[in-house]
Protein backbone atom coordinates (compact mmCIF):
# COMPACT_ATOMS: atom_id res chain seq x y z
CA MET A 1 -23.41 2.11 7.14
CA SER A 2 -25.80 -0.54 6.72
CA ASP A 3 -24.58 -3.85 4.73
CA THR A 4 -27.49 -3.28 2.53
CA ARG A 5 -26.99 -0.03 1.74
CA ILE A 6 -23.25 -0.72 0.62
CA SER A 7 -24.61 -3.69 -1.37
CA ARG A 8 -27.04 -1.15 -2.89
CA LEU A 9 -24.11 1.46 -4.00
CA LYS A 10 -22.20 -1.53 -5.17
CA LEU A 11 -24.86 -2.60 -7.63
CA SER A 12 -25.52 0.93 -8.79
CA VAL A 13 -21.97 0.87 -10.58
CA LEU A 14 -23.48 -1.96 -12.68
CA ALA A 15 -25.37 0.61 -14.79
CA CYS A 16 -21.76 2.56 -15.81
CA ALA A 17 -20.81 -0.14 -18.29
CA ALA A 18 -16.78 0.17 -19.04
CA GLY A 19 -16.05 -0.40 -22.33
CA LEU A 20 -13.33 -2.92 -23.41
CA LEU A 21 -14.66 -5.60 -20.40
CA VAL A 22 -15.86 -8.97 -20.92
CA ALA A 23 -17.60 -11.76 -19.02
CA ALA A 24 -15.84 -14.20 -17.07
CA ALA A 25 -15.19 -17.02 -19.35
CA PRO A 26 -12.19 -16.34 -21.75
CA ALA A 27 -13.03 -16.59 -25.48
CA ALA A 28 -11.19 -16.64 -29.07
CA LEU A 29 -12.88 -13.45 -30.23
CA ALA A 30 -12.90 -11.86 -33.80
CA SER A 31 -10.35 -8.95 -35.04
CA PRO A 32 -7.59 -9.68 -32.17
CA LEU A 33 -5.65 -6.50 -31.19
CA ASN A 34 -2.07 -6.62 -32.28
CA LEU A 35 0.36 -5.30 -29.63
CA SER A 36 4.17 -5.22 -30.11
CA PRO A 37 6.30 -6.01 -26.89
CA LEU A 38 8.17 -3.31 -24.97
CA TYR A 39 11.30 -5.41 -25.36
CA ALA A 40 10.88 -7.98 -28.21
CA GLY A 41 13.00 -11.40 -28.25
CA SER A 42 13.90 -13.84 -25.84
CA TYR A 43 14.50 -13.43 -22.07
CA ALA A 44 15.71 -15.49 -18.89
CA SER A 45 12.61 -16.27 -17.06
CA GLY A 46 12.00 -14.52 -13.91
CA SER A 47 10.44 -15.11 -10.34
CA GLY A 48 7.98 -12.46 -9.89
CA ALA A 49 6.81 -8.49 -10.07
CA ASP A 50 7.19 -5.72 -7.83
CA ALA A 51 4.14 -5.40 -5.22
CA SER A 52 2.64 -3.58 -2.34
CA PHE A 53 -0.18 -3.70 -0.10
CA VAL A 54 -1.46 -0.90 1.95
CA GLN A 55 -4.03 -0.54 4.85
CA ILE A 56 -5.35 2.42 6.11
CA ASP A 57 -7.63 3.28 9.38
CA GLY A 58 -11.19 2.73 8.34
CA ASN A 59 -12.47 5.95 9.91
CA TRP A 60 -10.29 7.85 7.16
CA GLN A 61 -13.02 10.44 6.06
CA GLY A 62 -11.04 11.96 2.99
CA SER A 63 -12.96 10.23 -0.17
CA THR A 64 -12.88 12.21 -3.19
CA VAL A 65 -15.00 9.91 -5.14
CA LEU A 66 -18.10 11.58 -6.04
CA TRP A 67 -21.87 10.26 -5.24
CA ASN A 68 -24.80 11.75 -6.28
CA GLU A 69 -27.61 10.72 -3.44
CA ALA A 70 -30.43 11.69 -5.45
CA THR A 71 -29.64 9.14 -8.26
CA GLN A 72 -28.03 6.98 -6.15
CA SER A 73 -24.81 6.67 -8.41
CA TYR A 74 -21.19 7.30 -8.77
CA GLY A 75 -19.42 9.96 -10.68
CA SER A 76 -21.36 13.19 -9.90
CA GLY A 77 -22.55 15.05 -6.91
CA SER A 78 -20.65 15.51 -3.68
CA ALA A 79 -17.22 14.06 -2.50
CA ILE A 80 -18.30 10.77 -0.36
CA GLY A 81 -16.16 11.99 2.38
CA SER A 82 -18.65 14.71 3.46
CA TYR A 83 -20.97 12.33 4.34
CA GLY A 84 -21.42 11.08 7.61
CA TRP A 85 -21.45 7.44 6.19
CA GLY A 86 -18.50 8.08 3.63
CA THR A 87 -15.70 6.61 5.79
CA GLY A 88 -13.00 4.23 3.78
CA LEU A 89 -11.87 3.64 0.37
CA TRP A 90 -14.45 4.10 -2.13
CA GLY A 91 -12.67 4.20 -5.87
CA ARG A 92 -9.81 4.60 -7.88
CA ALA A 93 -9.27 8.01 -6.83
CA ASP A 94 -9.02 6.82 -3.04
CA TRP A 95 -6.55 4.22 -4.21
CA GLN A 96 -4.46 7.02 -5.70
CA ALA A 97 -4.48 9.03 -2.24
CA VAL A 98 -3.69 5.99 -0.32
CA GLN A 99 -0.33 5.52 -2.71
CA ALA A 100 0.64 9.13 -2.17
CA ALA A 101 0.40 8.80 1.63
CA ALA A 102 2.33 5.45 1.46
CA ALA A 103 4.86 7.18 -0.78
CA GLY A 104 5.52 10.02 2.11
CA GLY A 105 3.11 12.58 0.29
CA GLY A 106 -0.64 13.35 0.44
CA GLY A 107 -0.30 16.31 2.89
CA ALA A 108 -3.28 17.46 5.22
CA GLY A 109 -6.17 15.08 5.52
CA ALA A 110 -4.18 11.89 3.72
CA PRO A 111 -5.13 8.58 5.07
CA ASP A 112 -3.52 7.07 8.00
CA ILE A 113 -1.46 3.84 7.38
CA ILE A 114 -1.94 1.30 9.69
CA SER A 115 -0.17 -1.78 7.92
CA SER A 116 2.05 -2.25 4.70
CA TRP A 117 4.05 -4.47 2.95
CA SER A 118 6.12 -4.39 -0.01
CA GLY A 119 8.53 -6.90 -1.81
CA LEU A 120 8.59 -9.57 -5.17
CA SER A 121 4.95 -11.65 -5.65
CA SER A 122 5.19 -14.52 -7.35
CA ALA A 123 1.81 -15.53 -8.84
CA ILE A 124 -0.65 -12.51 -8.43
CA ASN A 125 -3.64 -14.34 -6.09
CA TYR A 126 -4.29 -12.80 -3.04
CA GLY A 127 -7.48 -12.43 -0.88
CA ASN A 128 -8.05 -11.59 2.80
CA GLY A 129 -9.47 -13.88 5.40
CA CYS A 130 -12.78 -12.75 5.00
CA TYR A 131 -12.57 -13.84 1.10
CA ASN A 132 -10.58 -17.47 1.49
CA GLY A 133 -13.35 -18.29 4.39
CA ALA A 134 -16.79 -17.32 2.48
CA HIS A 135 -15.82 -17.55 -1.23
CA SER A 136 -12.73 -19.60 -2.15
CA ALA A 137 -14.93 -22.44 -2.74
CA GLN A 138 -16.60 -20.85 -5.72
CA TRP A 139 -13.94 -18.41 -6.97
CA GLY A 140 -10.72 -20.25 -5.73
CA PRO A 141 -8.47 -19.75 -2.93
CA ALA A 142 -6.00 -17.01 -2.92
CA THR A 143 -2.86 -16.58 -1.06
CA PRO A 144 -3.40 -14.60 2.55
CA VAL A 145 -2.74 -10.60 1.61
CA PRO A 146 0.37 -9.82 3.68
CA LEU A 147 -1.10 -7.20 6.13
CA SER A 148 -0.86 -7.75 10.00
CA GLN A 149 -4.70 -5.87 10.64
CA ASP A 150 -6.85 -9.11 9.26
CA SER A 151 -8.94 -10.79 11.33
CA GLY A 152 -10.37 -13.42 8.82
CA VAL A 153 -13.59 -12.50 10.16
CA CYS A 154 -16.33 -11.54 7.82
CA GLY A 155 -18.11 -8.23 9.12
CA ASP A 156 -14.95 -7.35 11.01
CA ASP A 157 -13.65 -3.89 9.80
CA ALA A 158 -9.94 -5.18 10.51
CA ASN A 159 -10.31 -7.02 6.94
CA GLY A 160 -11.05 -3.97 5.00
CA ASN A 161 -9.66 -0.44 3.60
CA TRP A 162 -6.81 -2.08 1.86
CA THR A 163 -5.00 -1.38 -1.50
CA SER A 164 -2.55 -3.19 -3.73
CA HIS A 165 -0.13 -2.41 -6.38
CA PHE A 166 1.65 -4.71 -8.84
CA GLU A 167 4.05 -3.45 -11.81
CA GLY A 168 6.79 -5.09 -13.87
CA PHE A 169 6.62 -7.03 -17.10
CA ILE A 170 5.18 -9.83 -18.38
CA ARG A 171 7.07 -12.17 -20.39
CA ILE A 172 5.67 -13.79 -23.53
CA THR A 173 7.50 -16.96 -24.96
CA GLU A 174 4.77 -17.95 -27.70
CA ALA A 175 3.23 -16.15 -30.25
CA GLY A 176 -0.49 -16.18 -30.16
CA LEU A 177 -3.74 -15.18 -29.30
CA TYR A 178 -3.91 -14.06 -25.49
CA ASN A 179 -6.40 -12.30 -22.76
CA PHE A 180 -5.86 -11.12 -19.23
CA SER A 181 -8.47 -11.18 -16.60
CA VAL A 182 -8.80 -9.63 -13.18
CA LEU A 183 -10.84 -11.31 -10.46
CA TYR A 184 -11.59 -8.42 -8.08
CA ASP A 185 -13.47 -7.00 -4.83
CA ASP A 186 -13.93 -4.14 -4.92
CA GLY A 187 -12.49 -2.37 -7.99
CA PHE A 188 -9.32 -2.30 -10.12
CA PHE A 189 -7.50 -1.17 -12.87
CA PHE A 190 -4.99 -3.38 -14.82
CA ARG A 191 -2.60 -1.75 -17.99
CA LEU A 192 -0.99 -3.25 -20.39
CA LEU A 193 2.29 -1.66 -22.09
CA GLY A 194 3.20 -2.34 -25.55
CA LEU A 195 5.89 -0.55 -27.77
CA GLU A 196 3.53 1.95 -29.38
CA GLU A 197 0.59 1.55 -27.51
CA THR A 198 -1.31 1.04 -23.82
CA LEU A 199 -4.53 -1.08 -23.13
CA GLU A 200 -6.26 -0.87 -20.07
CA ILE A 201 -9.58 -2.41 -18.31
CA GLY A 202 -10.86 -1.55 -15.05
CA LYS A 203 -13.83 -1.41 -12.86
CA ASP A 204 -13.84 2.05 -10.57
CA PHE A 205 -15.72 2.61 -7.32
CA LEU A 206 -17.39 -0.14 -5.18
CA ASN A 207 -18.52 -3.53 -7.33
CA PRO A 208 -19.80 -7.23 -6.94
CA ARG A 209 -17.14 -9.70 -7.03
CA ASP A 210 -16.40 -10.48 -10.43
CA ARG A 211 -13.68 -11.72 -12.95
CA LEU A 212 -13.22 -9.12 -16.07
CA GLY A 213 -11.02 -8.90 -19.18
CA PHE A 214 -10.33 -7.61 -22.39
CA ALA A 215 -13.08 -7.43 -24.92
CA GLU A 216 -10.78 -8.53 -27.34
CA ASP A 217 -8.06 -11.31 -27.54
CA LEU A 218 -4.39 -9.60 -28.43
CA PHE A 219 -1.94 -10.90 -30.48
CA LEU A 220 1.20 -11.16 -28.72
CA THR A 221 4.84 -12.12 -29.68
CA PRO A 222 7.60 -13.25 -27.71
CA GLY A 223 9.21 -10.67 -25.57
CA LEU A 224 8.50 -8.18 -22.48
CA TYR A 225 5.36 -6.35 -22.10
CA GLY A 226 4.87 -3.75 -19.30
CA PHE A 227 2.11 -4.04 -16.68
CA GLU A 228 0.24 -2.40 -13.74
CA LEU A 229 -2.42 -3.69 -11.79
CA GLY A 230 -4.13 -1.88 -8.86
CA SER A 231 -6.94 -2.87 -6.66
CA TRP A 232 -8.90 -1.74 -3.77
CA ASN A 233 -11.23 -3.33 -0.87
CA ARG A 234 -13.52 -1.16 1.49
CA LEU A 235 -14.75 -4.00 3.94
CA GLN A 236 -15.61 -7.43 4.25
CA ALA A 237 -13.96 -9.80 1.59
CA GLY A 238 -11.48 -8.58 -0.91
CA VAL A 239 -9.51 -10.59 -3.60
CA VAL A 240 -6.97 -9.74 -6.24
CA ASP A 241 -6.19 -12.36 -8.83
CA LEU A 242 -4.11 -12.04 -12.45
CA ARG A 243 -4.75 -14.40 -14.92
CA TYR A 244 -4.33 -15.20 -18.85
CA SER A 245 -5.95 -17.08 -21.41
CA TYR A 246 -3.61 -18.42 -24.66
CA GLN A 247 -5.33 -19.72 -27.72
CA GLY A 248 -8.69 -19.69 -25.99
CA SER A 249 -8.02 -21.90 -22.70
CA ASP A 250 -9.22 -21.58 -19.15
CA TRP A 251 -8.05 -18.74 -17.22
CA THR A 252 -4.53 -20.01 -15.65
CA LEU A 253 -2.46 -17.71 -13.07
CA VAL A 254 0.18 -16.22 -14.78
CA ASP A 255 3.43 -17.79 -13.96
CA PRO A 256 6.06 -16.51 -11.69
CA GLN A 257 8.56 -17.45 -14.08
CA ASN A 258 7.06 -15.05 -16.69
CA LEU A 259 6.56 -11.79 -14.40
CA LEU A 260 9.58 -9.89 -13.98
CA PRO A 261 10.01 -6.82 -11.57
CA THR A 262 10.60 -3.01 -13.06
CA SER A 263 14.46 -3.48 -12.08
CA ALA A 264 14.74 -6.09 -14.85
CA VAL A 265 14.55 -3.54 -17.74
CA PRO A 266 16.95 -4.88 -20.44
CA GLU A 267 20.15 -3.75 -21.00
CA PRO A 268 21.06 -3.42 -24.51
CA SER A 269 23.16 -6.53 -25.50
CA THR A 270 26.89 -6.65 -26.07
CA LEU A 271 26.09 -7.43 -29.41
CA ALA A 272 23.95 -4.74 -30.21
CA LEU A 273 26.32 -2.22 -28.48
CA LEU A 274 28.82 -3.61 -30.61
CA LEU A 275 27.14 -3.60 -34.34
CA PRO A 276 27.36 0.08 -34.77
CA ALA A 277 31.38 0.27 -34.04
CA LEU A 278 31.71 -3.15 -36.03
CA ALA A 279 29.89 -1.38 -39.09
CA MET A 280 31.86 1.72 -38.60
CA LEU A 281 35.09 -0.51 -38.81
CA GLY A 282 33.64 -2.13 -41.82
CA LEU A 283 32.90 1.14 -43.65
CA ARG A 284 36.24 2.86 -42.66
CA ARG A 285 38.23 -0.91 -44.19
CA THR A 286 35.90 -0.29 -47.03
CA ILE A 287 37.24 3.08 -47.62
CA GLY A 288 40.39 2.01 -47.25
CA ARG A 289 40.76 -0.32 -50.03
CA ARG A 290 39.16 2.11 -52.29
CA ALA A 291 41.96 4.40 -51.41
C-alpha cells in the first residue's frame, strides 16, 4: 500500500474527534475533575511500571478494524484484513489481538509474533529508529524500542507493526491540579484509575503524530492511582511517551520514582490491622469496668 494512501487513511480519522482530548500545550482549565486515589496516603518511591512490547509479522492479514471504502473512513464497512492491502495493525482491536496472542491465546488467524520484550520500564518514553532519526529534533528523543527487529531506517517494514503495554501505579505526592498526555504514532489509549472512577483518553486507528491530554485538569491528592497505557505502530515512525503537568507547568516525563508495578499493590498497614483488635480490646475493658 502506498505511503500516500496510508497518509490519507491517517488523516481521515481526524474527522472522528474523540471527547476528552486537548491540544498539545497543557493549560489550567476551569472546573477541574476530582479523582480520589485508589490508595490514599504517602508511599515509598518506585522505580518503574510493568511494560511489554510485541512485534508481529507485517504480512498478518487478520485486522478486524472496519474501513468504509466509499467514505474513506474508519468505523464502518468491512474488516481491513479483507482488503488486499490490509496487512498489519490498524487500530485498538488489532492491539487487543496482539495482546491475546502474546498471552498464548488468539486461536486461528492470530498474529505471528516475531519479537517481544517484557520487564520494568522507568520513564515511559520510547520510539523506534525511524522516529529518533527523523522526528526527535521536533518532538524530543526517545529511548529505543526494546525489540530486535528494528532496522532504524524509515521506510523499512522492520520498524513497524509493534505494540506497547504499560500498567501499574502513578504515585502522587502533592495535592494539586494535574494533567496527563501521550505523544503517539499511530494510536493509543490511556486509562487513569481512581477509587470510584476511571478516566480515559485515546486515539483509535492510524493517526498523524501528536500529543493529546485530558480536556480538563484533574485535582489529585497524595496516594497511588492505577493506570494502563497501550499503543500501536503500523509502519515507519512509532513513538509512545507519557508525561504530566502540575499546576499548569510544561509537560514533564513521569519520574520513575512515581511509577510502581502492579505487584506493588499496598498491603494493609500493621496499624490498620491492629485497630479493630485494639477497639475490641478497649470495648472489653470498658465492659469489664462497668461490670
